Amino acid sequence: MQLRYIADSMDYREPQE
């Protein structure tokens, strides 16, 4: 998944409850 790769590059993490 490209989006996940980009997010990881930006050190972005989705909110996990």
PDB file of N, CA and C in Angstrom:
ATOM      1  N   MET A   1       0.850  -1.202   0.000  1.00  0.00           N
ATOM      2  CA  MET A   1       0.000   0.000   0.000  1.00  0.00           C
ATOM      3  C   MET A   1       0.888   1.256   0.000  1.00  0.00           C
ATOM      4  N   GLN A   2       0.788   2.033  -1.021  1.00  0.00           N
ATOM      5  CA  GLN A   2       1.645   3.217  -1.133  1.00  0.00           C
ATOM      6  C   GLN A   2       1.392   4.200  -0.002  1.00  0.00           C
ATOM      7  N   LEU A   3       0.130   4.419   0.314  1.00  0.00           N
ATOM      8  CA  LEU A   3      -0.225   5.400   1.339  1.00  0.00           C
ATOM      9  C   LEU A   3       0.494   5.092   2.649  1.00  0.00           C
ATOM     10  N   ARG A   4       0.564   3.799   2.977  1.00  0.00           N
ATOM     11  CA  ARG A   4       1.218   3.397   4.222  1.00  0.00           C
ATOM     12  C   ARG A   4       2.711   3.741   4.157  1.00  0.00           C
ATOM     13  N   TYR A   5       3.312   3.550   3.007  1.00  0.00           N
ATOM     14  CA  TYR A   5       4.739   3.846   2.840  1.00  0.00           C
ATOM     15  C   TYR A   5       5.000   5.333   3.022  1.00  0.00           C
ATOM     16  N   ILE A   6       4.150   6.149   2.415  1.00  0.00           N
ATOM     17  CA  ILE A   6       4.292   7.603   2.529  1.00  0.00           C
ATOM     18  C   ILE A   6       4.103   8.028   3.982  1.00  0.00           C
ATOM     19  N   ALA A   7       3.116   7.475   4.629  1.00  0.00           N
ATOM     20  CA  ALA A   7       2.822   7.825   6.018  1.00  0.00           C
ATOM     21  C   ALA A   7       4.023   7.472   6.896  1.00  0.00           C
ATOM     22  N   ASP A   8       4.617   6.321   6.642  1.00  0.00           N
ATOM     23  CA  ASP A   8       5.767   5.887   7.433  1.00  0.00           C
ATOM     24  C   ASP A   8       6.943   6.838   7.205  1.00  0.00           C
ATOM     25  N   SER A   9       7.065   7.311   5.981  1.00  0.00           N
ATOM     26  CA  SER A   9       8.151   8.224   5.650  1.00  0.00           C
ATOM     27  C   SER A   9       7.987   9.534   6.412  1.00  0.00           C
ATOM     28  N   MET A  10       6.744   9.950   6.586  1.00  0.00           N
ATOM     29  CA  MET A  10       6.465  11.201   7.288  1.00  0.00           C
ATOM     30  C   MET A  10       6.343  10.969   8.790  1.00  0.00           C
ATOM     31  N   ASP A  11       6.598   9.714   9.194  1.00  0.00           N
ATOM     32  CA  ASP A  11       6.505   9.354  10.604  1.00  0.00           C
ATOM     33  C   ASP A  11       5.095   9.638  11.121  1.00  0.00           C
ATOM     34  N   TYR A  12       4.117   9.351  10.274  1.00  0.00           N
ATOM     35  CA  TYR A  12       2.721   9.571  10.666  1.00  0.00           C
ATOM     36  C   TYR A  12       2.106   8.255  11.137  1.00  0.00           C
ATOM     37  N   ARG A  13       1.331   8.327  12.201  1.00  0.00           N
ATOM     38  CA  ARG A  13       0.704   7.103  12.714  1.00  0.00           C
ATOM     39  C   ARG A  13      -0.785   7.334  12.935  1.00  0.00           C
ATOM     40  N   GLU A  14      -1.570   6.349  12.503  1.00  0.00           N
ATOM     41  CA  GLU A  14      -3.021   6.475  12.644  1.00  0.00           C
ATOM     42  C   GLU A  14      -3.428   6.274  14.100  1.00  0.00           C
ATOM     43  N   PRO A  15      -4.447   6.977  14.538  1.00  0.00           N
ATOM     44  CA  PRO A  15      -4.935   6.862  15.911  1.00  0.00           C
ATOM     45  C   PRO A  15      -5.536   5.490  16.176  1.00  0.00           C
ATOM     46  N   GLN A  16      -4.990   4.783  17.137  1.00  0.00           N
ATOM     47  CA  GLN A  16      -5.508   3.457  17.480  1.00  0.00           C
ATOM     48  C   GLN A  16      -6.112   3.495  18.876  1.00  0.00           C
ATOM     49  N   GLU A  17      -7.395   3.158  18.944  1.00  0.00           N
ATOM     50  CA  GLU A  17      -8.059   3.200  20.251  1.00  0.00           C
ATOM     51  C   GLU A  17      -7.843   1.889  20.985  1.00  0.00           C
TER      52      GLU A  17
END
